[in-house]
Amino acid sequence: MTERENVGLVVGGTRLQGGAVARRLPDANWRVRFLTRNAESDESCCLVGRGASVVVGDLEDVWEHGFVKEVRQRMPSIEAAVATKVAHFVDFSVGVSRRAGGPQRS
């Protein structure tokens, strides 16, 4: 792998799904950068302690704004990945499972 291919950005790296990905990537020899709202949280500190780099940002709470907002919010990232010929791009959403009849947030 080249240096560029060996770095992964995990959006929501301190949450349930993103956190699992951020913790496993180093096992496959990937360097991790993760996007989070709070660089001082326990989860952020844990990932930094494991060698990850933190990127502070906010994509808003998609639970509050719904599925259509979530899709619209993700399109610039997808388009940028296509335009720059990113080798691997993985996107997943709990919101999609809710829309398909999955577990509901209480």
C-alpha atoms as a PDB file:
ATOM      1  CA  MET A   1       0.000   0.000   0.000  1.00  0.00           C
ATOM      2  CA  THR A   2       1.130   3.514  -0.628  1.00  0.00           C
ATOM      3  CA  GLU A   3       1.084   6.203   2.050  1.00  0.00           C
ATOM      4  CA  ARG A   4      -2.096   7.745   0.611  1.00  0.00           C
ATOM      5  CA  GLU A   5      -3.951   4.442   0.565  1.00  0.00           C
ATOM      6  CA  ASN A   6      -2.945   3.682   4.116  1.00  0.00           C
ATOM      7  CA  VAL A   7      -4.848   6.515   5.838  1.00  0.00           C
ATOM      8  CA  GLY A   8      -8.531   6.272   6.702  1.00  0.00           C
ATOM      9  CA  LEU A   9     -10.877   9.055   7.808  1.00  0.00           C
ATOM     10  CA  VAL A  10     -13.714   7.808   9.986  1.00  0.00           C
ATOM     11  CA  VAL A  11     -16.612  10.228  10.301  1.00  0.00           C
ATOM     12  CA  GLY A  12     -18.210   9.753  13.687  1.00  0.00           C
ATOM     13  CA  GLY A  13     -15.206   7.841  15.005  1.00  0.00           C
ATOM     14  CA  THR A  14     -16.367   8.171  18.604  1.00  0.00           C
ATOM     15  CA  ARG A  15     -19.845   6.765  18.025  1.00  0.00           C
ATOM     16  CA  LEU A  16     -20.935   3.117  17.988  1.00  0.00           C
ATOM     17  CA  GLN A  17     -20.369   2.105  14.351  1.00  0.00           C
ATOM     18  CA  GLY A  18     -17.610   4.601  13.514  1.00  0.00           C
ATOM     19  CA  GLY A  19     -15.821   3.806  16.756  1.00  0.00           C
ATOM     20  CA  ALA A  20     -15.741   0.110  15.911  1.00  0.00           C
ATOM     21  CA  VAL A  21     -14.247   0.909  12.511  1.00  0.00           C
ATOM     22  CA  ALA A  22     -11.709   3.361  13.966  1.00  0.00           C
ATOM     23  CA  ARG A  23     -10.539   0.774  16.510  1.00  0.00           C
ATOM     24  CA  ARG A  24     -10.140  -2.008  13.895  1.00  0.00           C
ATOM     25  CA  LEU A  25      -8.391  -0.163  11.050  1.00  0.00           C
ATOM     26  CA  PRO A  26      -4.985  -0.133  12.783  1.00  0.00           C
ATOM     27  CA  ASP A  27      -5.153  -3.944  12.952  1.00  0.00           C
ATOM     28  CA  ALA A  28      -5.113  -3.885   9.127  1.00  0.00           C
ATOM     29  CA  ASN A  29      -2.163  -1.443   9.053  1.00  0.00           C
ATOM     30  CA  TRP A  30      -4.225   1.678   8.408  1.00  0.00           C
ATOM     31  CA  ARG A  31      -3.495   5.007  10.067  1.00  0.00           C
ATOM     32  CA  VAL A  32      -6.724   6.503  11.404  1.00  0.00           C
ATOM     33  CA  ARG A  33      -8.036  10.030  11.386  1.00  0.00           C
ATOM     34  CA  PHE A  34     -11.465  10.486  12.902  1.00  0.00           C
ATOM     35  CA  LEU A  35     -14.005  13.287  12.782  1.00  0.00           C
ATOM     36  CA  THR A  36     -15.693  14.208  16.035  1.00  0.00           C
ATOM     37  CA  ARG A  37     -17.409  17.209  17.618  1.00  0.00           C
ATOM     38  CA  ASN A  38     -15.513  16.803  20.892  1.00  0.00           C
ATOM     39  CA  ALA A  39     -11.773  16.134  20.861  1.00  0.00           C
ATOM     40  CA  GLU A  40     -11.754  16.018  24.670  1.00  0.00           C
ATOM     41  CA  SER A  41     -14.300  13.213  25.109  1.00  0.00           C
ATOM     42  CA  ASP A  42     -13.253   9.913  26.682  1.00  0.00           C
ATOM     43  CA  GLU A  43     -13.798   8.163  23.343  1.00  0.00           C
ATOM     44  CA  SER A  44     -11.600  10.698  21.504  1.00  0.00           C
ATOM     45  CA  CYS A  45      -8.837  10.403  24.079  1.00  0.00           C
ATOM     46  CA  CYS A  46      -8.967   6.609  23.821  1.00  0.00           C
ATOM     47  CA  LEU A  47      -8.538   6.692  20.031  1.00  0.00           C
ATOM     48  CA  VAL A  48      -5.745   9.278  20.246  1.00  0.00           C
ATOM     49  CA  GLY A  49      -4.068   7.041  22.815  1.00  0.00           C
ATOM     50  CA  ARG A  50      -4.146   4.247  20.233  1.00  0.00           C
ATOM     51  CA  GLY A  51      -2.398   6.475  17.678  1.00  0.00           C
ATOM     52  CA  ALA A  52      -5.356   8.007  15.820  1.00  0.00           C
ATOM     53  CA  SER A  53      -5.439  11.667  14.788  1.00  0.00           C
ATOM     54  CA  VAL A  54      -8.466  13.761  15.695  1.00  0.00           C
ATOM     55  CA  VAL A  55     -10.243  16.129  13.293  1.00  0.00           C
ATOM     56  CA  VAL A  56     -12.841  18.373  14.943  1.00  0.00           C
ATOM     57  CA  GLY A  57     -16.028  19.012  12.970  1.00  0.00           C
ATOM     58  CA  ASP A  58     -19.813  18.806  13.068  1.00  0.00           C
ATOM     59  CA  LEU A  59     -22.150  17.289  10.495  1.00  0.00           C
ATOM     60  CA  GLU A  60     -25.221  18.065  12.600  1.00  0.00           C
ATOM     61  CA  ASP A  61     -27.354  15.412  14.260  1.00  0.00           C
ATOM     62  CA  VAL A  62     -29.006  13.410  11.473  1.00  0.00           C
ATOM     63  CA  TRP A  63     -31.403  11.877  13.988  1.00  0.00           C
ATOM     64  CA  GLU A  64     -32.843  15.346  14.474  1.00  0.00           C
ATOM     65  CA  HIS A  65     -33.111  16.200  10.782  1.00  0.00           C
ATOM     66  CA  GLY A  66     -34.131  12.960   9.107  1.00  0.00           C
ATOM     67  CA  PHE A  67     -33.158  10.718   6.242  1.00  0.00           C
ATOM     68  CA  VAL A  68     -33.349  13.242   3.382  1.00  0.00           C
ATOM     69  CA  LYS A  69     -31.092  15.675   5.252  1.00  0.00           C
ATOM     70  CA  GLU A  70     -28.634  12.856   5.964  1.00  0.00           C
ATOM     71  CA  VAL A  71     -28.385  11.898   2.289  1.00  0.00           C
ATOM     72  CA  ARG A  72     -28.013  15.539   1.206  1.00  0.00           C
ATOM     73  CA  GLN A  73     -25.334  16.015   3.863  1.00  0.00           C
ATOM     74  CA  ARG A  74     -23.270  13.057   2.627  1.00  0.00           C
ATOM     75  CA  MET A  75     -23.327  13.835  -1.096  1.00  0.00           C
ATOM     76  CA  PRO A  76     -20.400  16.321  -1.065  1.00  0.00           C
ATOM     77  CA  SER A  77     -18.186  13.682   0.588  1.00  0.00           C
ATOM     78  CA  ILE A  78     -19.197  11.055  -1.940  1.00  0.00           C
ATOM     79  CA  GLU A  79     -18.681  13.425  -4.866  1.00  0.00           C
ATOM     80  CA  ALA A  80     -15.258  14.486  -3.528  1.00  0.00           C
ATOM     81  CA  ALA A  81     -14.226  10.850  -3.140  1.00  0.00           C
ATOM     82  CA  VAL A  82     -15.230  10.102  -6.735  1.00  0.00           C
ATOM     83  CA  ALA A  83     -13.529  13.237  -8.093  1.00  0.00           C
ATOM     84  CA  THR A  84     -10.248  12.458  -6.326  1.00  0.00           C
ATOM     85  CA  LYS A  85     -10.368   8.736  -7.144  1.00  0.00           C
ATOM     86  CA  VAL A  86     -10.318   7.591  -3.518  1.00  0.00           C
ATOM     87  CA  ALA A  87      -9.408   3.900  -3.431  1.00  0.00           C
ATOM     88  CA  HIS A  88     -11.883   2.933  -0.681  1.00  0.00           C
ATOM     89  CA  PHE A  89     -14.991   4.768   0.487  1.00  0.00           C
ATOM     90  CA  VAL A  90     -17.327   3.191   3.028  1.00  0.00           C
ATOM     91  CA  ASP A  91     -20.514   4.856   4.195  1.00  0.00           C
ATOM     92  CA  PHE A  92     -23.095   3.419   6.526  1.00  0.00           C
ATOM     93  CA  SER A  93     -26.059   4.783   8.387  1.00  0.00           C
ATOM     94  CA  VAL A  94     -28.267   3.787  11.247  1.00  0.00           C
ATOM     95  CA  GLY A  95     -30.845   6.163   9.776  1.00  0.00           C
ATOM     96  CA  VAL A  96     -31.247   3.915   6.755  1.00  0.00           C
ATOM     97  CA  SER A  97     -32.003   0.917   8.977  1.00  0.00           C
ATOM     98  CA  ARG A  98     -34.618   2.962  10.824  1.00  0.00           C
ATOM     99  CA  ARG A  99     -36.258   3.897   7.536  1.00  0.00           C
ATOM    100  CA  ALA A 100     -36.318   0.224   6.533  1.00  0.00           C
ATOM    101  CA  GLY A 101     -38.103  -0.787   9.715  1.00  0.00           C
ATOM    102  CA  GLY A 102     -35.082  -1.376  11.937  1.00  0.00           C
ATOM    103  CA  PRO A 103     -34.873  -0.497  15.626  1.00  0.00           C
ATOM    104  CA  GLN A 104     -36.258   2.912  16.583  1.00  0.00           C
ATOM    105  CA  ARG A 105     -34.459   5.397  18.792  1.00  0.00           C
ATOM    106  CA  SER A 106     -36.428   6.178  21.933  1.00  0.00           C
END
